[in-house]
N, C-alpha and C. Protein backbone atom coordinates (compact mmCIF):
# COMPACT_ATOMS: atom_id res chain seq x y z
N MET A 1 98.84 93.65 96.47
CA MET A 1 99.57 94.44 95.49
C MET A 1 100.31 93.49 94.56
N ILE A 2 100.28 93.84 93.29
CA ILE A 2 101.03 93.09 92.29
C ILE A 2 101.76 94.10 91.41
N LYS A 3 103.02 93.82 91.14
CA LYS A 3 103.81 94.71 90.29
C LYS A 3 103.88 94.13 88.89
N TYR A 4 103.45 94.93 87.92
CA TYR A 4 103.52 94.57 86.51
C TYR A 4 104.43 95.59 85.83
N GLY A 5 105.69 95.26 85.65
CA GLY A 5 106.65 96.20 85.07
C GLY A 5 106.75 97.42 85.96
N SER A 6 106.45 98.60 85.43
CA SER A 6 106.53 99.83 86.23
C SER A 6 105.20 100.15 86.92
N GLN A 7 104.16 99.36 86.66
CA GLN A 7 102.84 99.60 87.25
C GLN A 7 102.62 98.76 88.50
N LEU A 8 101.93 99.34 89.46
CA LEU A 8 101.47 98.61 90.64
C LEU A 8 99.97 98.43 90.53
N HIS A 9 99.51 97.22 90.70
CA HIS A 9 98.08 96.93 90.73
C HIS A 9 97.72 96.68 92.19
N ILE A 10 96.79 97.48 92.70
CA ILE A 10 96.35 97.33 94.08
C ILE A 10 94.87 96.98 94.08
N ASP A 11 94.55 95.88 94.72
CA ASP A 11 93.18 95.43 94.89
C ASP A 11 92.89 95.56 96.37
N CYS A 12 91.92 96.39 96.73
CA CYS A 12 91.71 96.62 98.16
C CYS A 12 90.23 96.59 98.53
N HIS A 13 89.99 96.42 99.80
CA HIS A 13 88.66 96.48 100.38
C HIS A 13 88.59 97.75 101.21
N LEU A 14 87.54 98.52 101.01
CA LEU A 14 87.33 99.76 101.75
C LEU A 14 86.05 99.61 102.54
N THR A 15 86.15 99.71 103.86
CA THR A 15 84.97 99.60 104.72
C THR A 15 84.38 100.98 104.94
N LEU A 16 83.10 101.10 104.63
CA LEU A 16 82.37 102.35 104.80
C LEU A 16 81.12 102.08 105.63
N PRO A 17 80.53 103.13 106.19
CA PRO A 17 79.28 102.93 106.94
C PRO A 17 78.24 102.21 106.09
N TRP A 18 77.58 101.26 106.68
CA TRP A 18 76.61 100.43 105.94
C TRP A 18 75.46 101.25 105.37
N TYR A 19 75.20 102.41 105.94
CA TYR A 19 74.06 103.21 105.50
C TYR A 19 74.42 104.24 104.41
N PHE A 20 75.68 104.29 103.96
CA PHE A 20 76.04 105.20 102.87
C PHE A 20 75.32 104.79 101.60
N ASN A 21 74.84 105.79 100.85
CA ASN A 21 74.25 105.48 99.56
C ASN A 21 75.35 105.39 98.51
N LEU A 22 74.96 105.08 97.29
CA LEU A 22 75.93 104.87 96.22
C LEU A 22 76.75 106.13 95.93
N GLN A 23 76.11 107.29 95.96
CA GLN A 23 76.83 108.54 95.70
C GLN A 23 77.87 108.81 96.79
N GLN A 24 77.51 108.61 98.05
CA GLN A 24 78.46 108.83 99.13
C GLN A 24 79.63 107.86 99.04
N SER A 25 79.33 106.60 98.75
CA SER A 25 80.38 105.59 98.64
C SER A 25 81.32 105.90 97.48
N HIS A 26 80.76 106.30 96.36
CA HIS A 26 81.57 106.65 95.19
C HIS A 26 82.50 107.82 95.50
N LYS A 27 82.00 108.80 96.22
CA LYS A 27 82.82 109.95 96.61
C LYS A 27 84.01 109.50 97.46
N GLU A 28 83.79 108.59 98.39
CA GLU A 28 84.88 108.09 99.24
C GLU A 28 85.93 107.34 98.42
N VAL A 29 85.49 106.56 97.44
CA VAL A 29 86.43 105.86 96.56
C VAL A 29 87.26 106.87 95.76
N GLU A 30 86.61 107.91 95.25
CA GLU A 30 87.34 108.95 94.52
C GLU A 30 88.37 109.64 95.41
N LEU A 31 88.02 109.90 96.66
CA LEU A 31 88.98 110.52 97.58
C LEU A 31 90.18 109.60 97.83
N LEU A 32 89.93 108.31 97.97
CA LEU A 32 91.01 107.35 98.15
C LEU A 32 91.91 107.33 96.91
N GLN A 33 91.31 107.30 95.74
CA GLN A 33 92.09 107.30 94.50
C GLN A 33 92.93 108.56 94.37
N GLU A 34 92.35 109.71 94.70
CA GLU A 34 93.10 110.98 94.64
C GLU A 34 94.28 110.96 95.60
N MET A 35 94.07 110.44 96.82
CA MET A 35 95.13 110.39 97.81
C MET A 35 96.28 109.50 97.32
N ILE A 36 95.96 108.36 96.76
CA ILE A 36 97.00 107.45 96.26
C ILE A 36 97.72 108.06 95.08
N THR A 37 97.00 108.72 94.19
CA THR A 37 97.63 109.37 93.03
C THR A 37 98.56 110.49 93.48
N GLN A 38 98.17 111.26 94.49
CA GLN A 38 99.02 112.33 95.01
C GLN A 38 100.31 111.78 95.58
N GLU A 39 100.23 110.64 96.24
CA GLU A 39 101.42 110.04 96.87
C GLU A 39 102.29 109.27 95.89
N MET A 40 101.66 108.61 94.91
CA MET A 40 102.40 107.67 94.08
C MET A 40 102.40 108.01 92.60
N GLY A 41 101.65 109.01 92.20
CA GLY A 41 101.58 109.35 90.78
C GLY A 41 100.66 108.40 90.04
N ASP A 42 100.89 108.30 88.73
CA ASP A 42 100.01 107.47 87.91
C ASP A 42 100.53 106.06 87.69
N VAL A 43 101.41 105.59 88.56
CA VAL A 43 101.95 104.23 88.43
C VAL A 43 101.06 103.20 89.12
N VAL A 44 99.97 103.63 89.73
CA VAL A 44 99.11 102.72 90.48
C VAL A 44 97.78 102.54 89.76
N GLU A 45 97.42 101.29 89.59
CA GLU A 45 96.10 100.92 89.10
C GLU A 45 95.35 100.39 90.31
N LEU A 46 94.26 101.05 90.68
CA LEU A 46 93.55 100.74 91.91
C LEU A 46 92.18 100.15 91.63
N PHE A 47 91.90 99.01 92.24
CA PHE A 47 90.58 98.41 92.21
C PHE A 47 90.07 98.35 93.64
N VAL A 48 88.89 98.91 93.88
CA VAL A 48 88.35 99.00 95.24
C VAL A 48 87.06 98.19 95.34
N HIS A 49 87.03 97.34 96.34
CA HIS A 49 85.82 96.59 96.67
C HIS A 49 85.27 97.20 97.95
N LEU A 50 84.01 97.57 97.96
CA LEU A 50 83.41 98.20 99.14
C LEU A 50 82.79 97.16 100.05
N ASP A 51 83.04 97.32 101.34
CA ASP A 51 82.45 96.48 102.37
C ASP A 51 81.68 97.36 103.34
N PRO A 52 80.53 96.91 103.81
CA PRO A 52 79.81 97.67 104.83
C PRO A 52 80.46 97.43 106.20
N CYS A 53 80.40 98.43 107.05
CA CYS A 53 80.90 98.25 108.41
C CYS A 53 80.02 97.21 109.12
N LEU A 54 80.59 96.61 110.14
CA LEU A 54 79.89 95.60 110.93
C LEU A 54 79.86 96.02 112.39
N PRO A 55 78.86 96.81 112.78
CA PRO A 55 78.77 97.20 114.18
C PRO A 55 78.57 95.95 115.04
N PRO A 56 79.08 95.89 116.26
CA PRO A 56 79.89 96.90 116.91
C PRO A 56 81.39 96.77 116.63
N VAL A 57 81.82 95.71 115.92
CA VAL A 57 83.25 95.48 115.68
C VAL A 57 83.89 96.67 114.98
N SER A 58 83.29 97.13 113.89
CA SER A 58 83.86 98.25 113.12
C SER A 58 83.87 99.55 113.91
N CYS A 59 82.91 99.71 114.82
CA CYS A 59 82.81 100.95 115.59
C CYS A 59 84.09 101.24 116.37
N ARG A 60 84.75 100.21 116.82
CA ARG A 60 85.97 100.39 117.62
C ARG A 60 87.07 101.09 116.83
N LEU A 61 87.05 100.97 115.50
CA LEU A 61 88.08 101.55 114.63
C LEU A 61 87.62 102.79 113.90
N CYS A 62 86.33 103.06 113.95
CA CYS A 62 85.75 104.11 113.11
C CYS A 62 85.93 105.50 113.72
N THR A 63 86.45 106.41 112.92
CA THR A 63 86.67 107.79 113.38
C THR A 63 85.50 108.71 113.05
N LYS A 64 84.44 108.16 112.48
CA LYS A 64 83.27 108.97 112.12
C LYS A 64 82.51 109.32 113.40
N SER A 65 82.78 110.48 113.94
CA SER A 65 82.22 110.87 115.25
C SER A 65 80.74 111.17 115.20
N ASP A 66 80.21 111.52 114.04
CA ASP A 66 78.79 111.86 113.95
C ASP A 66 77.92 110.68 113.49
N CYS A 67 78.37 109.47 113.72
CA CYS A 67 77.62 108.28 113.31
C CYS A 67 76.40 108.11 114.20
N HIS A 68 75.23 108.05 113.59
CA HIS A 68 73.98 107.95 114.35
C HIS A 68 73.62 106.52 114.73
N VAL A 69 74.40 105.53 114.29
CA VAL A 69 74.12 104.14 114.63
C VAL A 69 75.27 103.47 115.38
N ARG A 70 76.18 104.27 115.88
CA ARG A 70 77.34 103.73 116.60
C ARG A 70 76.89 102.84 117.76
N GLU A 71 77.49 101.64 117.85
CA GLU A 71 77.15 100.69 118.90
C GLU A 71 78.26 100.50 119.92
N HIS A 72 79.43 101.07 119.67
CA HIS A 72 80.55 100.91 120.58
C HIS A 72 81.44 102.14 120.48
N ALA A 73 82.06 102.50 121.56
CA ALA A 73 82.95 103.67 121.57
C ALA A 73 84.19 103.41 120.72
N PHE A 74 84.71 104.47 120.15
CA PHE A 74 85.96 104.41 119.40
C PHE A 74 87.09 104.00 120.34
N VAL A 75 87.90 103.04 119.91
CA VAL A 75 89.02 102.56 120.73
C VAL A 75 90.34 103.08 120.19
N GLY A 76 90.54 103.03 118.88
CA GLY A 76 91.79 103.50 118.30
C GLY A 76 91.86 103.21 116.82
N ARG A 77 92.82 103.85 116.18
CA ARG A 77 93.04 103.69 114.75
C ARG A 77 93.99 102.53 114.50
N VAL A 78 93.85 101.91 113.36
CA VAL A 78 94.83 100.93 112.92
C VAL A 78 96.00 101.71 112.35
N GLU A 79 97.18 101.43 112.83
CA GLU A 79 98.38 102.06 112.26
C GLU A 79 98.82 101.19 111.09
N TRP A 80 98.70 101.73 109.88
CA TRP A 80 98.98 100.96 108.68
C TRP A 80 100.48 100.81 108.47
N THR A 81 100.89 99.59 108.23
CA THR A 81 102.28 99.26 107.91
C THR A 81 102.27 98.37 106.67
N LEU A 82 103.42 98.18 106.07
CA LEU A 82 103.51 97.31 104.91
C LEU A 82 103.06 95.89 105.29
N ALA A 83 103.35 95.48 106.50
CA ALA A 83 102.98 94.13 106.95
C ALA A 83 101.48 93.95 107.06
N ASN A 84 100.78 94.89 107.73
CA ASN A 84 99.35 94.66 107.95
C ASN A 84 98.47 95.12 106.78
N VAL A 85 98.96 96.00 105.94
CA VAL A 85 98.14 96.45 104.81
C VAL A 85 98.00 95.34 103.76
N SER A 86 98.94 94.42 103.75
CA SER A 86 98.90 93.34 102.76
C SER A 86 98.25 92.07 103.29
N GLU A 87 97.80 92.07 104.54
CA GLU A 87 97.11 90.91 105.08
C GLU A 87 95.73 90.78 104.45
N ASN A 88 95.33 89.58 104.15
CA ASN A 88 94.03 89.34 103.55
C ASN A 88 93.02 88.98 104.64
N GLN A 89 92.75 89.96 105.50
CA GLN A 89 91.80 89.74 106.59
C GLN A 89 91.31 91.09 107.10
N ARG A 90 90.20 91.06 107.84
CA ARG A 90 89.69 92.29 108.46
C ARG A 90 90.65 92.71 109.56
N HIS A 91 90.75 94.00 109.74
CA HIS A 91 91.63 94.55 110.76
C HIS A 91 90.81 94.90 111.99
N VAL A 92 91.24 94.43 113.14
CA VAL A 92 90.54 94.68 114.39
C VAL A 92 91.56 95.08 115.45
N LEU A 93 91.05 95.71 116.50
CA LEU A 93 91.91 96.05 117.65
C LEU A 93 91.70 95.04 118.74
């Protein structure tokens, strides 16, 4: 995150299932943008970089219960905090 006057610039990585097509991925980005706009208004400029999930590591965090390629059982969600959301690394349990 970078603050430019009254604007916040957020550059983020969003991990999605590797098998999502472009339309599905775009829809997820739009949902993320809508969620951030609802919470923060129009003061946020969001840039999203998409990353494919990496089974089985990503499976441990993934809440997509109907995944047909799941390689590992769901272990738990990452609880997002200001500290870990700004880390420049993949999040694992």
